[in-house]
N, C-alpha and C. Protein backbone atom coordinates (compact mmCIF):
# COMPACT_ATOMS: atom_id res chain seq x y z
N MET A 1 1.14 -0.99 0.21
CA MET A 1 -0.21 -0.34 0.22
C MET A 1 0.71 0.83 -0.06
N ARG A 2 1.90 0.77 0.56
CA ARG A 2 2.47 2.60 0.45
C ARG A 2 3.58 2.22 -0.20
N ARG A 3 3.78 1.39 -1.82
CA ARG A 3 4.63 1.50 -2.45
C ARG A 3 3.57 2.24 -3.23
N LEU A 4 2.17 1.50 -3.41
CA LEU A 4 1.60 2.63 -4.09
C LEU A 4 0.70 3.64 -3.88
N LEU A 5 0.69 4.61 -2.70
CA LEU A 5 0.75 5.97 -2.27
C LEU A 5 2.03 6.25 -2.63
N TYR A 6 3.18 6.05 -2.93
CA TYR A 6 4.19 6.58 -3.19
C TYR A 6 4.39 6.81 -4.68
N ALA A 7 3.42 5.52 -4.99
CA ALA A 7 4.30 5.95 -6.65
C ALA A 7 2.98 7.01 -7.47
N LEU A 8 1.60 7.07 -6.36
CA LEU A 8 1.18 7.81 -7.26
C LEU A 8 1.71 9.56 -6.73
N LEU A 9 1.74 9.70 -6.07
CA LEU A 9 2.94 10.41 -5.61
C LEU A 9 3.18 11.33 -6.38
N LEU A 10 4.55 10.00 -6.65
CA LEU A 10 6.05 10.89 -7.77
C LEU A 10 4.80 11.01 -8.81
N GLY A 11 3.88 10.12 -9.39
CA GLY A 11 3.49 10.34 -10.59
C GLY A 11 2.66 11.85 -10.83
N LEU A 12 1.83 12.38 -9.54
CA LEU A 12 1.45 13.31 -9.89
C LEU A 12 2.28 14.92 -9.73
N VAL A 13 4.17 14.80 -8.47
CA VAL A 13 4.97 15.07 -8.55
C VAL A 13 4.77 15.49 -10.26
N GLY A 14 5.44 14.52 -10.97
CA GLY A 14 5.91 14.50 -11.92
C GLY A 14 5.42 15.00 -13.09
N ALA A 15 4.12 14.45 -13.07
CA ALA A 15 3.43 15.84 -14.19
C ALA A 15 3.22 16.99 -13.81
N GLY A 16 2.61 17.01 -12.17
CA GLY A 16 2.85 19.03 -12.32
C GLY A 16 4.16 19.86 -12.41
N ILE A 17 5.35 19.09 -12.92
CA ILE A 17 6.45 19.46 -13.11
C ILE A 17 6.64 20.10 -14.98
N VAL A 18 6.00 18.81 -15.43
CA VAL A 18 6.16 18.52 -16.94
C VAL A 18 4.96 19.96 -17.44
N HIS A 19 3.60 19.74 -16.30
CA HIS A 19 2.91 20.46 -16.53
C HIS A 19 3.66 22.08 -16.73
N ILE A 20 3.87 22.87 -15.54
CA ILE A 20 4.77 23.51 -15.51
C ILE A 20 5.69 24.00 -16.50
N VAL A 21 6.58 22.71 -17.02
CA VAL A 21 7.51 23.36 -17.95
C VAL A 21 6.92 23.55 -19.52
N ILE A 22 6.29 23.18 -19.76
CA ILE A 22 4.91 22.97 -21.07
C ILE A 22 4.32 24.46 -20.91
N LEU A 23 3.84 25.15 -19.33
CA LEU A 23 3.25 26.32 -19.87
C LEU A 23 4.38 27.44 -19.83
N VAL A 24 5.73 26.92 -19.99
CA VAL A 24 6.57 27.85 -19.38
C VAL A 24 7.54 28.33 -20.75
N LEU A 25 7.30 27.16 -21.42
CA LEU A 25 8.33 26.88 -22.97
C LEU A 25 6.92 27.01 -23.98
N LEU A 26 5.35 27.65 -23.79
CA LEU A 26 4.46 28.09 -25.06
C LEU A 26 5.17 28.87 -25.92
N PRO A 27 5.04 29.82 -25.06
CA PRO A 27 5.17 31.21 -25.58
C PRO A 27 6.64 30.80 -26.55
N LEU A 28 7.62 30.00 -26.29
CA LEU A 28 8.19 29.93 -27.26
C LEU A 28 8.41 29.13 -28.81
N PHE A 29 7.29 28.71 -28.57
CA PHE A 29 6.80 26.89 -29.60
C PHE A 29 5.56 28.02 -30.37
N SER A 30 4.76 28.92 -29.46
CA SER A 30 3.41 29.90 -29.79
C SER A 30 3.37 30.10 -31.10
N GLN A 31 2.58 29.75 -32.29
CA GLN A 31 3.17 31.45 -34.27
C GLN A 31 1.65 32.03 -33.74
N ARG A 32 1.20 32.07 -32.23
CA ARG A 32 0.07 33.59 -32.14
C ARG A 32 0.85 33.97 -30.87
N ASP A 33 1.70 34.17 -31.01
CA ASP A 33 2.55 35.02 -29.70
C ASP A 33 2.46 36.32 -29.54
N ALA A 34 2.50 37.87 -29.28
CA ALA A 34 2.39 38.86 -29.56
C ALA A 34 2.87 39.40 -31.06
N TRP A 35 3.80 38.92 -31.01
CA TRP A 35 5.10 39.38 -31.79
C TRP A 35 4.37 38.91 -33.30
N SER A 36 4.07 37.67 -33.31
CA SER A 36 3.33 37.24 -34.64
C SER A 36 2.16 37.97 -35.00
N ARG A 37 1.24 37.98 -33.65
CA ARG A 37 -0.66 39.37 -34.04
C ARG A 37 -0.25 40.29 -34.22
N LEU A 38 1.18 41.42 -33.73
CA LEU A 38 1.03 42.44 -34.81
C LEU A 38 1.99 42.90 -35.57
N ALA A 39 2.54 41.74 -35.91
CA ALA A 39 3.32 41.34 -37.36
C ALA A 39 1.83 41.20 -38.30
N ALA A 40 0.81 40.78 -38.45
CA ALA A 40 -0.56 40.11 -39.33
C ALA A 40 -1.26 41.78 -39.05
N ALA A 41 -0.78 42.24 -38.08
CA ALA A 41 -2.12 43.82 -37.64
C ALA A 41 -0.92 44.89 -38.79
N ALA A 42 -0.13 44.96 -38.48
CA ALA A 42 0.72 46.15 -38.92
C ALA A 42 2.37 45.78 -39.16
N ASP A 43 2.89 47.13 -39.92
CA ASP A 43 4.43 46.79 -39.84
C ASP A 43 4.78 47.40 -38.84
N LEU A 44 6.48 46.85 -39.20
CA LEU A 44 7.20 47.46 -37.91
C LEU A 44 7.08 49.47 -37.67
N TYR A 45 7.58 50.04 -36.43
CA TYR A 45 7.44 51.28 -36.58
C TYR A 45 5.96 51.92 -36.99
N VAL A 46 4.97 51.20 -36.82
CA VAL A 46 3.18 51.35 -36.87
C VAL A 46 2.52 51.13 -35.53
N MET A 47 1.94 52.22 -35.42
CA MET A 47 1.60 51.75 -33.79
C MET A 47 -0.08 51.48 -34.09
N THR A 48 -0.72 50.90 -33.84
CA THR A 48 -1.99 49.48 -33.42
C THR A 48 -2.45 50.48 -32.54
N ALA A 49 -3.72 50.07 -32.75
CA ALA A 49 -4.19 50.06 -31.64
C ALA A 49 -4.42 48.17 -30.81
N ALA A 50 -4.28 48.31 -29.86
CA ALA A 50 -3.76 47.04 -29.47
C ALA A 50 -5.66 45.96 -29.22
N ASP A 51 -6.46 47.23 -28.87
CA ASP A 51 -7.80 46.41 -29.16
C ASP A 51 -8.31 46.13 -29.99
N GLY A 52 -8.36 47.37 -31.03
CA GLY A 52 -8.57 46.82 -32.69
C GLY A 52 -9.83 48.25 -32.90
N SER A 53 -9.64 49.31 -31.50
CA SER A 53 -10.34 50.47 -31.69
C SER A 53 -10.33 51.10 -32.34
N ASP A 54 -8.75 51.37 -33.92
CA ASP A 54 -8.95 52.48 -34.36
C ASP A 54 -9.55 51.13 -35.95
N GLY A 55 -10.06 50.16 -35.73
CA GLY A 55 -10.78 49.93 -37.04
C GLY A 55 -9.37 48.53 -37.70
N GLY A 56 -8.52 48.48 -36.88
CA GLY A 56 -7.19 47.57 -37.27
C GLY A 56 -8.17 45.99 -36.64
N LYS A 57 -7.28 45.10 -37.04
CA LYS A 57 -7.16 43.61 -36.60
C LYS A 57 -7.33 43.46 -34.19
N SER A 58 -7.73 42.88 -33.70
CA SER A 58 -7.30 43.27 -32.14
C SER A 58 -6.62 42.31 -31.67
N THR A 59 -5.69 42.92 -31.06
CA THR A 59 -3.73 42.40 -31.47
C THR A 59 -3.93 41.79 -29.60
N VAL A 60 -4.80 42.53 -29.05
CA VAL A 60 -5.21 41.36 -27.35
C VAL A 60 -6.35 41.79 -26.36
N GLU A 61 -6.66 41.30 -26.05
CA GLU A 61 -7.94 41.58 -25.18
C GLU A 61 -7.64 42.40 -23.75
N SER A 62 -7.72 43.42 -24.05
CA SER A 62 -8.12 44.54 -22.52
C SER A 62 -8.71 43.84 -21.65
N PRO A 63 -7.08 43.35 -20.61
CA PRO A 63 -8.20 43.06 -19.45
C PRO A 63 -8.67 43.92 -18.82
N ASP A 64 -8.52 45.48 -18.61
CA ASP A 64 -8.74 46.87 -17.98
C ASP A 64 -9.97 47.56 -18.78
N PRO A 65 -10.96 47.91 -18.86
CA PRO A 65 -11.71 49.11 -19.39
C PRO A 65 -10.77 49.73 -19.55
N PHE A 66 -10.38 50.55 -18.04
CA PHE A 66 -10.00 52.21 -17.94
C PHE A 66 -8.72 52.26 -18.92
N PHE A 67 -8.41 51.88 -19.39
CA PHE A 67 -6.49 51.85 -20.15
C PHE A 67 -7.12 51.31 -21.54
N LYS A 68 -6.41 52.39 -22.63
CA LYS A 68 -6.71 52.14 -23.81
C LYS A 68 -5.05 51.85 -23.94
N ALA A 69 -4.77 50.71 -24.40
CA ALA A 69 -3.52 50.19 -25.26
C ALA A 69 -3.48 50.27 -26.54
N SER A 70 -2.31 50.93 -27.19
CA SER A 70 -0.96 50.52 -28.13
C SER A 70 -0.15 50.34 -28.16
N ALA A 71 0.57 49.67 -29.76
CA ALA A 71 1.47 48.79 -29.54
C ALA A 71 2.67 48.56 -30.78
N CYS A 72 3.58 48.89 -30.78
CA CYS A 72 4.61 48.64 -31.61
C CYS A 72 5.25 48.11 -31.67
N ARG A 73 6.03 47.02 -33.19
CA ARG A 73 6.94 46.67 -32.99
C ARG A 73 8.26 47.37 -34.09
N PHE A 74 9.64 47.23 -33.24
CA PHE A 74 10.36 47.89 -33.39
C PHE A 74 11.95 47.03 -33.58
N ASP A 75 13.09 46.87 -34.47
CA ASP A 75 14.02 46.86 -35.13
C ASP A 75 15.53 47.76 -34.48
N LEU A 76 15.75 46.99 -33.71
CA LEU A 76 16.87 47.74 -33.16
C LEU A 76 18.00 47.64 -33.75
N GLN A 77 18.37 47.13 -34.96
CA GLN A 77 19.68 47.11 -35.88
C GLN A 77 18.98 48.20 -37.13
N ASP A 78 18.01 48.05 -36.80
CA ASP A 78 17.59 49.59 -38.41
C ASP A 78 18.33 51.45 -36.93
N GLY A 79 18.67 51.02 -36.30
CA GLY A 79 18.79 52.15 -35.48
C GLY A 79 17.61 52.08 -34.08
N PRO A 80 18.64 53.40 -33.47
CA PRO A 80 17.34 53.38 -31.88
C PRO A 80 15.85 53.51 -32.35
N VAL A 81 14.76 54.03 -32.15
CA VAL A 81 13.53 54.32 -31.70
C VAL A 81 12.83 55.08 -31.25
N ARG A 82 11.75 56.11 -31.85
CA ARG A 82 12.06 56.80 -30.23
C ARG A 82 10.34 57.20 -30.58
N LEU A 83 9.54 56.89 -29.40
CA LEU A 83 8.62 57.03 -29.25
C LEU A 83 7.82 58.69 -28.48
N THR A 84 7.03 59.39 -29.40
CA THR A 84 6.57 60.69 -28.79
C THR A 84 4.99 60.71 -29.24
N ALA A 85 4.14 61.27 -27.95
CA ALA A 85 2.27 61.78 -27.83
C ALA A 85 2.54 62.64 -27.90
N ASP A 86 1.22 64.09 -28.22
CA ASP A 86 1.30 64.98 -28.39
C ASP A 86 -0.28 65.25 -27.17
N GLY A 87 0.53 65.94 -25.98
CA GLY A 87 -0.57 66.12 -25.12
C GLY A 87 -0.40 65.19 -23.76
N THR A 88 -0.75 65.93 -22.92
CA THR A 88 -1.39 64.85 -21.69
C THR A 88 -2.34 64.24 -21.17
N VAL A 89 -2.19 63.06 -20.40
CA VAL A 89 -3.50 62.41 -19.96
C VAL A 89 -2.80 62.73 -18.35
N PRO A 90 -4.11 62.05 -17.79
CA PRO A 90 -3.96 61.40 -16.47
C PRO A 90 -2.84 60.47 -15.76
N PHE A 91 -2.93 59.52 -16.92
CA PHE A 91 -1.56 58.51 -16.78
C PHE A 91 -1.47 58.02 -17.52
N TRP A 92 -0.44 57.78 -18.04
CA TRP A 92 0.42 57.13 -19.07
C TRP A 92 1.20 55.66 -18.31
N SER A 93 1.63 54.20 -19.45
CA SER A 93 2.43 53.60 -18.48
C SER A 93 2.98 53.15 -20.17
N ALA A 94 4.48 52.54 -20.05
CA ALA A 94 5.29 52.50 -21.22
C ALA A 94 5.87 51.41 -20.74
N SER A 95 5.84 50.10 -21.79
CA SER A 95 6.20 48.19 -21.33
C SER A 95 7.27 48.03 -22.61
N ILE A 96 8.73 47.57 -22.40
CA ILE A 96 9.04 47.35 -23.70
C ILE A 96 9.01 45.82 -23.07
N TYR A 97 9.28 45.01 -24.14
CA TYR A 97 9.21 43.75 -24.45
C TYR A 97 10.19 42.96 -25.39
N ASP A 98 10.70 42.14 -25.42
CA ASP A 98 11.84 41.90 -25.69
C ASP A 98 10.84 40.68 -26.88
N ARG A 99 11.31 40.57 -28.28
CA ARG A 99 10.61 39.84 -29.37
C ARG A 99 9.43 38.14 -28.63
N GLY A 100 10.41 37.96 -27.58
CA GLY A 100 9.15 36.94 -27.53
C GLY A 100 8.45 37.16 -25.95
N GLY A 101 8.12 37.76 -25.53
CA GLY A 101 7.46 38.32 -24.92
C GLY A 101 7.90 38.55 -23.58
N GLN A 102 9.16 38.64 -23.35
CA GLN A 102 9.69 38.76 -21.98
C GLN A 102 9.45 40.52 -21.84
N ASN A 103 9.07 41.42 -20.79
CA ASN A 103 9.27 42.15 -20.38
C ASN A 103 10.73 42.76 -20.26
N VAL A 104 11.05 43.87 -20.50
CA VAL A 104 12.65 44.31 -20.22
C VAL A 104 12.60 45.66 -19.20
N TYR A 105 11.36 46.89 -19.83
CA TYR A 105 12.10 47.75 -18.96
C TYR A 105 10.22 48.12 -18.61
N ASN A 106 10.09 48.85 -17.74
CA ASN A 106 8.86 49.60 -18.32
C ASN A 106 9.27 51.11 -17.04
N PHE A 107 7.73 51.88 -17.85
CA PHE A 107 7.80 53.30 -17.38
C PHE A 107 6.99 53.74 -17.12
N ASN A 108 6.31 55.09 -16.08
CA ASN A 108 5.01 55.65 -16.71
C ASN A 108 5.48 57.38 -16.73
N ASP A 109 4.18 57.57 -16.39
CA ASP A 109 4.91 59.49 -17.16
C ASP A 109 4.85 60.17 -15.26
N ARG A 110 5.31 59.48 -14.55
CA ARG A 110 6.15 60.41 -13.38
C ARG A 110 7.56 60.51 -13.63
N THR A 111 7.65 59.26 -14.36
CA THR A 111 9.64 59.53 -14.85
C THR A 111 9.30 60.41 -15.93
N ALA A 112 8.60 61.06 -17.01
CA ALA A 112 9.32 61.61 -18.04
C ALA A 112 9.51 62.86 -17.08
N THR A 113 10.07 64.21 -18.28
CA THR A 113 9.71 65.19 -18.16
C THR A 113 8.11 66.58 -18.09
N GLY A 114 7.83 66.70 -17.13
CA GLY A 114 6.52 67.02 -17.62
C GLY A 114 5.30 66.18 -17.95
N GLY A 115 5.25 64.83 -17.39
CA GLY A 115 4.76 63.57 -17.98
C GLY A 115 4.24 63.66 -19.42
N GLU A 116 5.30 64.22 -20.01
CA GLU A 116 5.30 63.53 -21.41
C GLU A 116 5.84 62.52 -21.94
N LEU A 117 5.16 62.25 -23.04
CA LEU A 117 5.88 60.60 -23.71
C LEU A 117 6.30 61.18 -24.57
N ASP A 118 8.19 60.31 -24.08
CA ASP A 118 9.25 61.26 -25.21
C ASP A 118 10.42 60.44 -24.33
N PHE A 119 9.99 59.29 -25.62
CA PHE A 119 11.51 58.00 -25.09
C PHE A 119 11.93 57.63 -25.78
N VAL A 120 13.66 57.19 -26.20
CA VAL A 120 13.80 56.78 -27.42
C VAL A 120 14.47 55.16 -26.58
N VAL A 121 14.73 54.34 -27.20
CA VAL A 121 14.94 52.97 -27.40
C VAL A 121 15.75 52.65 -27.86
N VAL A 122 17.09 52.49 -27.57
CA VAL A 122 18.68 52.10 -28.10
C VAL A 122 19.18 50.83 -27.29
N THR A 123 20.06 50.47 -27.73
CA THR A 123 20.81 49.32 -27.82
C THR A 123 21.98 50.05 -26.67
N PRO A 124 23.00 49.37 -25.48
CA PRO A 124 24.24 49.68 -24.93
C PRO A 124 25.44 50.11 -26.20
N ALA A 125 25.50 49.63 -27.15
CA ALA A 125 26.28 50.38 -28.36
C ALA A 125 25.65 51.64 -29.02
N GLN A 126 24.60 51.69 -29.40
CA GLN A 126 24.06 52.84 -29.75
C GLN A 126 23.47 54.09 -28.88
N MET A 127 23.60 53.62 -27.32
CA MET A 127 23.31 54.70 -26.07
C MET A 127 25.29 55.31 -26.22
N ILE A 128 26.29 54.48 -26.78
CA ILE A 128 27.44 55.33 -26.68
C ILE A 128 27.82 55.71 -27.71
N ASP A 129 27.08 55.88 -29.14
CA ASP A 129 27.06 57.12 -30.01
C ASP A 129 26.15 57.97 -29.72
N MET A 130 25.68 57.55 -29.22
CA MET A 130 24.28 59.20 -28.38
C MET A 130 25.14 59.57 -27.95
N ARG A 131 25.29 59.37 -27.03
CA ARG A 131 26.40 60.29 -25.63
C ARG A 131 27.66 61.52 -26.28
N LYS A 132 28.02 60.77 -27.33
CA LYS A 132 28.71 61.35 -28.39
C LYS A 132 28.63 62.72 -28.89
N ASP A 133 27.36 62.76 -28.98
CA ASP A 133 26.75 63.67 -30.37
C ASP A 133 25.39 63.73 -30.29
N LEU A 134 24.13 64.81 -28.79
CA LEU A 134 22.93 63.80 -28.46
C LEU A 134 22.35 65.11 -29.23
N PRO A 135 21.76 64.88 -30.31
CA PRO A 135 20.74 65.73 -30.87
C PRO A 135 20.32 66.42 -30.32
N ALA A 136 19.84 67.54 -30.30
CA ALA A 136 19.06 68.53 -29.89
C ALA A 136 17.56 68.03 -29.11
N GLU A 137 17.25 67.30 -30.34
CA GLU A 137 15.51 67.34 -30.18
C GLU A 137 15.06 66.37 -29.61
N LEU A 138 16.77 65.58 -28.70
CA LEU A 138 16.80 64.56 -27.99
C LEU A 138 16.65 64.94 -26.71
N GLU A 139 17.39 66.29 -26.17
CA GLU A 139 17.81 66.46 -25.10
C GLU A 139 16.64 66.05 -23.85
N GLN A 140 15.60 66.62 -24.34
CA GLN A 140 14.57 66.10 -22.86
C GLN A 140 14.17 64.44 -22.77
N SER A 141 14.77 63.90 -24.03
CA SER A 141 14.24 62.59 -23.99
C SER A 141 14.32 61.56 -22.84
N ILE A 142 13.51 60.31 -22.26
CA ILE A 142 14.37 59.81 -21.60
C ILE A 142 14.43 58.53 -22.81
N PHE A 143 16.14 58.16 -21.75
CA PHE A 143 16.42 56.84 -23.08
C PHE A 143 16.20 55.61 -22.04
N VAL A 144 16.40 54.62 -23.06
CA VAL A 144 15.80 53.26 -22.35
C VAL A 144 16.72 51.78 -22.90
N GLU A 145 17.64 52.02 -22.18
CA GLU A 145 18.49 51.10 -22.52
C GLU A 145 17.85 49.30 -23.20
N ALA A 146 17.97 48.73 -24.35
CA ALA A 146 17.49 47.36 -23.77
C ALA A 146 18.32 46.55 -24.55
N ASP A 147 19.01 45.16 -24.48
CA ASP A 147 19.72 44.78 -25.22
C ASP A 147 19.13 43.59 -26.45
N VAL A 148 18.43 44.45 -26.41
CA VAL A 148 17.94 43.09 -27.79
C VAL A 148 17.70 43.52 -29.47
N ASP A 149 16.63 42.91 -29.70
CA ASP A 149 17.46 43.72 -31.52
C ASP A 149 15.88 43.64 -32.24
N GLU A 150 14.70 43.64 -31.81
CA GLU A 150 13.39 42.99 -31.68
C GLU A 150 12.94 43.69 -30.65
N GLY A 151 11.70 44.33 -30.41
CA GLY A 151 10.54 44.05 -29.76
C GLY A 151 9.78 45.15 -29.75
N ILE A 152 8.35 44.97 -29.14
CA ILE A 152 7.92 45.69 -28.97
C ILE A 152 7.54 46.91 -27.63
N VAL A 153 7.00 48.00 -28.18
CA VAL A 153 6.93 48.94 -26.96
C VAL A 153 5.30 48.95 -26.84
N VAL A 154 4.86 48.51 -25.15
CA VAL A 154 3.01 48.97 -25.83
C VAL A 154 3.20 50.09 -24.72
N VAL A 155 2.28 51.42 -25.26
CA VAL A 155 2.16 52.70 -24.29
C VAL A 155 0.13 51.78 -23.84
N ARG A 156 0.15 53.03 -22.72
CA ARG A 156 -1.47 52.56 -21.86
C ARG A 156 -1.73 53.56 -22.08
N ALA A 157 -2.69 54.38 -21.55
CA ALA A 157 -3.01 55.33 -20.74
C ALA A 157 -4.45 55.54 -20.21
N PHE A 158 -4.49 56.16 -19.43
CA PHE A 158 -5.10 55.67 -18.44
C PHE A 158 -7.08 56.93 -18.48
N ALA A 159 -7.93 56.09 -18.98
CA ALA A 159 -9.40 56.55 -18.89
C ALA A 159 -9.99 56.97 -17.71
N PRO A 160 -9.94 58.06 -16.40
CA PRO A 160 -10.58 57.68 -15.25
C PRO A 160 -12.35 57.97 -15.66
N ASP A 161 -12.33 58.26 -16.71
CA ASP A 161 -14.19 57.98 -16.46
C ASP A 161 -14.49 57.95 -17.84
N ASP A 162 -15.92 58.05 -18.61
CA ASP A 162 -16.41 58.30 -20.23
C ASP A 162 -15.97 59.59 -20.25
N SER A 163 -15.81 60.69 -19.84
CA SER A 163 -16.24 61.62 -20.36
C SER A 163 -14.46 62.09 -21.05
N TRP A 164 -13.35 61.61 -20.51
CA TRP A 164 -12.29 61.58 -21.02
C TRP A 164 -11.75 60.30 -22.73
N ALA A 165 -13.11 59.98 -22.30
CA ALA A 165 -12.79 58.89 -23.74
C ALA A 165 -12.38 59.54 -24.99
N SER A 166 -12.96 60.53 -25.18
CA SER A 166 -12.05 60.72 -27.11
C SER A 166 -10.66 61.52 -26.29
N ARG A 167 -10.40 61.99 -25.07
CA ARG A 167 -9.50 62.59 -25.09
C ARG A 167 -7.90 61.73 -24.88
N ILE A 168 -8.60 60.30 -24.64
CA ILE A 168 -7.51 59.81 -24.57
C ILE A 168 -7.69 59.12 -25.79
N ALA A 169 -8.52 58.01 -26.44
CA ALA A 169 -8.63 58.35 -28.04
C ALA A 169 -8.15 58.98 -29.18
N THR A 170 -7.73 60.33 -28.99
CA THR A 170 -6.38 61.27 -29.88
C THR A 170 -5.43 61.18 -29.30
N TYR A 171 -5.23 60.52 -27.75
CA TYR A 171 -3.87 61.12 -27.68
C TYR A 171 -3.34 59.25 -27.46
N VAL A 172 -3.84 58.38 -28.13
CA VAL A 172 -2.91 56.80 -28.17
C VAL A 172 -3.10 57.17 -29.49
N LYS A 173 -3.61 57.35 -30.49
CA LYS A 173 -3.58 57.91 -31.81
C LYS A 173 -2.93 58.34 -32.06
N SER A 174 -2.18 59.57 -30.77
CA SER A 174 -0.98 61.11 -31.49
C SER A 174 0.44 60.27 -31.66
N ILE A 175 0.73 58.68 -30.85
CA ILE A 175 1.39 58.29 -30.52
C ILE A 175 2.66 57.59 -31.42
N ALA A 176 3.43 58.73 -31.72
CA ALA A 176 4.58 58.44 -33.13
C ALA A 176 5.53 57.30 -32.32
N CYS A 177 5.89 56.10 -33.59
CA CYS A 177 7.03 55.33 -33.15
C CYS A 177 7.37 55.54 -34.80
N THR A 178 8.94 56.29 -33.44
CA THR A 178 9.61 56.19 -35.37
C THR A 178 10.89 55.90 -35.31
N PRO A 179 11.88 54.88 -36.43
CA PRO A 179 13.17 54.85 -36.03
C PRO A 179 13.98 56.41 -35.96
N GLN A 180 15.28 56.51 -35.62
CA GLN A 180 15.61 57.40 -35.57
C GLN A 180 16.83 57.25 -36.41
């Protein structure tokens, strides 16, 4: 009886380990990851409303109705990428992910000058080059060093209530993702 219980317990633990490994490795083998969905919706350096509110294809389901999200794929082998937006909103946050969907960096409007969205994503080597001769238009920008070649930037804007809906929609549409 003891051997049977031991075998059952060992089998359950083994099955649990196998399931956890499968869940962790699933994004590596999935063809429907965030990169693939964004690639089907838009080219590199094109901001796409993540919920499809811009008339395009929905790339993610937003778990929070108070946030509007927009995403952009980039390739740092082409050079740094700069994200800017017109105006301000009550709160915004930006997250940078590598191609596999792993979060590399995130920050929000509290770390930006005047709460404005203006940041540049660079590799460490590109940052060294930027420090040598920083363009005047980038003096107020936040620089984010990301040791990735390809990635995704997701910007989320908070709408406290329905009266903010049009202003948030305008803000999200104004976000520009441009290679430098």
